[in-house]
Amino acid sequence: MKATVFVDVVDAWSYVGSVRFERAAAMYTILTGEPVEIGYRACRVPGAPTAEEVVAAARISAIELNVEEIVPADSTDAWRLLTWAMESGEAVQ
């Protein structure tokens, strides 16, 4: 099975959602024996929830999240770097 997840790599809420999805995909694979191939696509998340809401959602899912050390960044540049690393191969990564 193939799944595409749309995330903003600099958004904490997207991180929580992608970790939850990866866990659900792993559970699906365990239960059915069918692997899930996850692909990621870039998107911008408008109107992100507050830091308190993200931390609460992360805590429910047992995800460690430290919002005090988040550095604001442009997701476009982050996706460019990730795309370049993927295209360059594991040796460059």
N, C-alpha and C. Protein backbone atom coordinates (compact mmCIF):
# COMPACT_ATOMS: atom_id res chain seq x y z
N MET A 1 0.84 -1.17 0.00
CA MET A 1 0.00 0.00 0.00
C MET A 1 0.89 1.23 0.00
N LYS A 2 0.48 2.23 -0.74
CA LYS A 2 1.20 3.50 -0.77
C LYS A 2 0.33 4.57 -0.13
N ALA A 3 0.98 5.43 0.64
CA ALA A 3 0.27 6.53 1.29
C ALA A 3 1.10 7.80 1.12
N THR A 4 0.43 8.90 0.87
CA THR A 4 1.10 10.18 0.77
C THR A 4 0.65 11.05 1.93
N VAL A 5 1.62 11.61 2.64
CA VAL A 5 1.35 12.46 3.80
C VAL A 5 1.83 13.86 3.46
N PHE A 6 0.96 14.83 3.61
CA PHE A 6 1.30 16.22 3.36
C PHE A 6 1.70 16.87 4.68
N VAL A 7 2.94 17.38 4.74
CA VAL A 7 3.45 17.95 5.98
C VAL A 7 4.22 19.23 5.71
N ASP A 8 4.32 20.03 6.73
CA ASP A 8 5.18 21.21 6.74
C ASP A 8 6.33 20.85 7.68
N VAL A 9 7.53 20.72 7.15
CA VAL A 9 8.64 20.19 7.95
C VAL A 9 9.08 21.10 9.08
N VAL A 10 8.62 22.33 9.11
CA VAL A 10 9.00 23.22 10.21
C VAL A 10 7.82 23.46 11.17
N ASP A 11 6.78 22.68 11.05
CA ASP A 11 5.59 22.84 11.88
C ASP A 11 5.47 21.69 12.87
N ALA A 12 5.39 22.01 14.14
CA ALA A 12 5.31 20.98 15.18
C ALA A 12 4.04 20.15 15.06
N TRP A 13 2.94 20.77 14.67
CA TRP A 13 1.68 20.04 14.53
C TRP A 13 1.78 18.99 13.43
N SER A 14 2.45 19.33 12.32
CA SER A 14 2.68 18.36 11.24
C SER A 14 3.55 17.21 11.72
N TYR A 15 4.53 17.51 12.57
CA TYR A 15 5.39 16.46 13.11
C TYR A 15 4.58 15.47 13.93
N VAL A 16 3.73 15.98 14.80
CA VAL A 16 2.89 15.11 15.62
C VAL A 16 2.00 14.24 14.72
N GLY A 17 1.39 14.84 13.72
CA GLY A 17 0.53 14.08 12.81
C GLY A 17 1.28 13.02 12.03
N SER A 18 2.50 13.35 11.58
CA SER A 18 3.26 12.37 10.80
C SER A 18 3.73 11.21 11.67
N VAL A 19 4.11 11.48 12.91
CA VAL A 19 4.50 10.39 13.82
C VAL A 19 3.31 9.49 14.11
N ARG A 20 2.15 10.08 14.35
CA ARG A 20 0.95 9.28 14.58
C ARG A 20 0.62 8.41 13.37
N PHE A 21 0.77 8.98 12.16
CA PHE A 21 0.48 8.22 10.95
C PHE A 21 1.47 7.07 10.78
N GLU A 22 2.76 7.35 11.01
CA GLU A 22 3.77 6.29 10.90
C GLU A 22 3.49 5.15 11.87
N ARG A 23 3.07 5.48 13.07
CA ARG A 23 2.72 4.44 14.05
C ARG A 23 1.51 3.63 13.59
N ALA A 24 0.52 4.32 13.05
CA ALA A 24 -0.67 3.61 12.55
C ALA A 24 -0.30 2.72 11.37
N ALA A 25 0.57 3.19 10.49
CA ALA A 25 1.00 2.39 9.34
C ALA A 25 1.77 1.16 9.82
N ALA A 26 2.61 1.32 10.84
CA ALA A 26 3.35 0.18 11.38
C ALA A 26 2.39 -0.84 11.99
N MET A 27 1.37 -0.37 12.68
CA MET A 27 0.38 -1.28 13.27
C MET A 27 -0.39 -2.01 12.17
N TYR A 28 -0.72 -1.31 11.10
CA TYR A 28 -1.40 -1.93 9.97
C TYR A 28 -0.54 -3.04 9.38
N THR A 29 0.74 -2.76 9.23
CA THR A 29 1.66 -3.76 8.69
C THR A 29 1.75 -4.97 9.61
N ILE A 30 1.79 -4.75 10.90
CA ILE A 30 1.85 -5.85 11.86
C ILE A 30 0.60 -6.71 11.77
N LEU A 31 -0.55 -6.06 11.68
CA LEU A 31 -1.82 -6.80 11.68
C LEU A 31 -2.12 -7.51 10.36
N THR A 32 -1.72 -6.90 9.25
CA THR A 32 -2.08 -7.47 7.95
C THR A 32 -0.91 -8.12 7.21
N GLY A 33 0.29 -7.76 7.59
CA GLY A 33 1.46 -8.25 6.88
C GLY A 33 1.75 -7.48 5.61
N GLU A 34 0.93 -6.51 5.28
CA GLU A 34 1.11 -5.70 4.08
C GLU A 34 1.89 -4.43 4.43
N PRO A 35 3.05 -4.22 3.82
CA PRO A 35 3.83 -3.01 4.14
C PRO A 35 3.16 -1.75 3.61
N VAL A 36 3.42 -0.65 4.29
CA VAL A 36 2.91 0.65 3.87
C VAL A 36 4.10 1.50 3.46
N GLU A 37 4.10 1.93 2.21
CA GLU A 37 5.16 2.81 1.71
C GLU A 37 4.67 4.25 1.87
N ILE A 38 5.34 5.01 2.71
CA ILE A 38 4.91 6.37 3.01
C ILE A 38 5.76 7.36 2.22
N GLY A 39 5.09 8.23 1.49
CA GLY A 39 5.75 9.32 0.78
C GLY A 39 5.31 10.64 1.39
N TYR A 40 6.21 11.58 1.42
CA TYR A 40 5.90 12.88 2.01
C TYR A 40 5.88 13.96 0.94
N ARG A 41 4.96 14.88 1.06
CA ARG A 41 4.83 16.00 0.15
C ARG A 41 4.75 17.28 0.97
N ALA A 42 5.26 18.34 0.38
CA ALA A 42 5.31 19.63 1.07
C ALA A 42 3.96 20.33 1.04
N CYS A 43 3.66 20.98 2.13
CA CYS A 43 2.50 21.87 2.19
C CYS A 43 2.75 22.89 3.30
N ARG A 44 2.08 23.98 3.24
CA ARG A 44 2.14 24.97 4.31
C ARG A 44 0.87 24.82 5.15
N VAL A 45 1.05 24.90 6.44
CA VAL A 45 -0.08 24.74 7.35
C VAL A 45 -0.49 26.13 7.85
N PRO A 46 -1.61 26.64 7.34
CA PRO A 46 -2.07 27.95 7.81
C PRO A 46 -2.78 27.83 9.15
N GLY A 47 -2.63 28.84 9.96
CA GLY A 47 -3.36 28.87 11.23
C GLY A 47 -3.05 27.71 12.15
N ALA A 48 -1.77 27.48 12.39
CA ALA A 48 -1.37 26.37 13.26
C ALA A 48 -1.89 26.60 14.68
N PRO A 49 -2.16 25.52 15.41
CA PRO A 49 -2.64 25.66 16.78
C PRO A 49 -1.55 26.22 17.70
N THR A 50 -1.95 26.58 18.89
CA THR A 50 -1.00 27.14 19.85
C THR A 50 -0.02 26.06 20.30
N ALA A 51 1.09 26.51 20.86
CA ALA A 51 2.11 25.58 21.34
C ALA A 51 1.55 24.65 22.42
N GLU A 52 0.68 25.19 23.27
CA GLU A 52 0.09 24.38 24.34
C GLU A 52 -0.76 23.24 23.78
N GLU A 53 -1.52 23.54 22.71
CA GLU A 53 -2.35 22.51 22.08
C GLU A 53 -1.49 21.42 21.43
N VAL A 54 -0.40 21.82 20.80
CA VAL A 54 0.49 20.85 20.16
C VAL A 54 1.15 19.97 21.21
N VAL A 55 1.63 20.58 22.28
CA VAL A 55 2.28 19.81 23.36
C VAL A 55 1.29 18.83 23.98
N ALA A 56 0.05 19.26 24.19
CA ALA A 56 -0.96 18.36 24.76
C ALA A 56 -1.24 17.19 23.83
N ALA A 57 -1.36 17.44 22.53
CA ALA A 57 -1.59 16.36 21.57
C ALA A 57 -0.40 15.42 21.50
N ALA A 58 0.80 15.97 21.58
CA ALA A 58 2.01 15.14 21.55
C ALA A 58 2.07 14.28 22.81
N ARG A 59 1.76 14.85 23.94
CA ARG A 59 1.82 14.12 25.20
C ARG A 59 0.85 12.94 25.20
N ILE A 60 -0.34 13.11 24.64
CA ILE A 60 -1.33 12.03 24.56
C ILE A 60 -0.77 10.86 23.77
N SER A 61 0.03 11.16 22.74
CA SER A 61 0.60 10.11 21.89
C SER A 61 2.00 9.67 22.33
N ALA A 62 2.44 10.12 23.49
CA ALA A 62 3.76 9.78 24.03
C ALA A 62 4.88 10.24 23.10
N ILE A 63 4.73 11.44 22.54
CA ILE A 63 5.75 12.03 21.68
C ILE A 63 6.43 13.14 22.46
N GLU A 64 7.76 13.05 22.55
CA GLU A 64 8.52 14.09 23.23
C GLU A 64 8.62 15.31 22.32
N LEU A 65 8.21 16.46 22.83
CA LEU A 65 8.21 17.68 22.03
C LEU A 65 8.62 18.84 22.91
N ASN A 66 9.66 19.53 22.53
CA ASN A 66 10.16 20.67 23.29
C ASN A 66 9.95 21.93 22.46
N VAL A 67 8.85 22.61 22.67
CA VAL A 67 8.52 23.79 21.87
C VAL A 67 9.34 25.00 22.26
N GLU A 68 10.00 24.97 23.40
CA GLU A 68 10.82 26.10 23.81
C GLU A 68 12.05 26.25 22.93
N GLU A 69 12.50 25.17 22.30
CA GLU A 69 13.71 25.22 21.48
C GLU A 69 13.42 25.26 19.98
N ILE A 70 12.17 25.48 19.61
CA ILE A 70 11.81 25.57 18.19
C ILE A 70 12.41 26.85 17.60
N VAL A 71 13.05 26.69 16.45
CA VAL A 71 13.63 27.82 15.74
C VAL A 71 12.76 28.12 14.53
N PRO A 72 12.21 29.32 14.43
CA PRO A 72 11.40 29.65 13.26
C PRO A 72 12.22 29.51 11.98
N ALA A 73 11.64 28.89 10.97
CA ALA A 73 12.36 28.67 9.71
C ALA A 73 11.37 28.68 8.56
N ASP A 74 11.91 28.87 7.36
CA ASP A 74 11.11 28.86 6.14
C ASP A 74 11.01 27.43 5.64
N SER A 75 9.81 26.90 5.51
CA SER A 75 9.65 25.51 5.09
C SER A 75 10.07 25.29 3.64
N THR A 76 10.04 26.33 2.81
CA THR A 76 10.45 26.18 1.41
C THR A 76 11.93 25.80 1.34
N ASP A 77 12.78 26.49 2.10
CA ASP A 77 14.20 26.16 2.11
C ASP A 77 14.45 24.78 2.70
N ALA A 78 13.70 24.42 3.71
CA ALA A 78 13.86 23.10 4.32
C ALA A 78 13.51 22.00 3.31
N TRP A 79 12.43 22.17 2.55
CA TRP A 79 12.07 21.17 1.54
C TRP A 79 13.09 21.12 0.42
N ARG A 80 13.65 22.25 0.05
CA ARG A 80 14.70 22.24 -0.98
C ARG A 80 15.89 21.42 -0.51
N LEU A 81 16.30 21.60 0.73
CA LEU A 81 17.43 20.85 1.28
C LEU A 81 17.11 19.36 1.34
N LEU A 82 15.92 19.00 1.79
CA LEU A 82 15.53 17.59 1.87
C LEU A 82 15.46 16.95 0.48
N THR A 83 14.94 17.67 -0.50
CA THR A 83 14.86 17.15 -1.86
C THR A 83 16.25 16.94 -2.44
N TRP A 84 17.14 17.91 -2.23
CA TRP A 84 18.52 17.78 -2.71
C TRP A 84 19.20 16.57 -2.06
N ALA A 85 19.02 16.39 -0.76
CA ALA A 85 19.63 15.26 -0.06
C ALA A 85 19.12 13.94 -0.60
N MET A 86 17.81 13.84 -0.85
CA MET A 86 17.23 12.60 -1.37
C MET A 86 17.78 12.30 -2.77
N GLU A 87 17.86 13.31 -3.63
CA GLU A 87 18.34 13.11 -4.98
C GLU A 87 19.85 12.82 -5.03
N SER A 88 20.58 13.27 -4.03
CA SER A 88 22.03 13.09 -4.01
C SER A 88 22.45 11.72 -3.52
N GLY A 89 21.58 11.04 -2.80
CA GLY A 89 21.89 9.69 -2.33
C GLY A 89 22.34 9.65 -0.88
N GLU A 90 22.42 8.44 -0.37
CA GLU A 90 22.74 8.25 1.05
C GLU A 90 24.14 8.73 1.42
N ALA A 91 25.09 8.61 0.50
CA ALA A 91 26.47 9.03 0.80
C ALA A 91 26.54 10.52 1.13
N VAL A 92 25.76 11.32 0.43
CA VAL A 92 25.77 12.76 0.65
C VAL A 92 24.97 13.12 1.90
N GLN A 93 23.90 12.38 2.13
CA GLN A 93 23.06 12.68 3.29
C GLN A 93 23.85 12.56 4.56
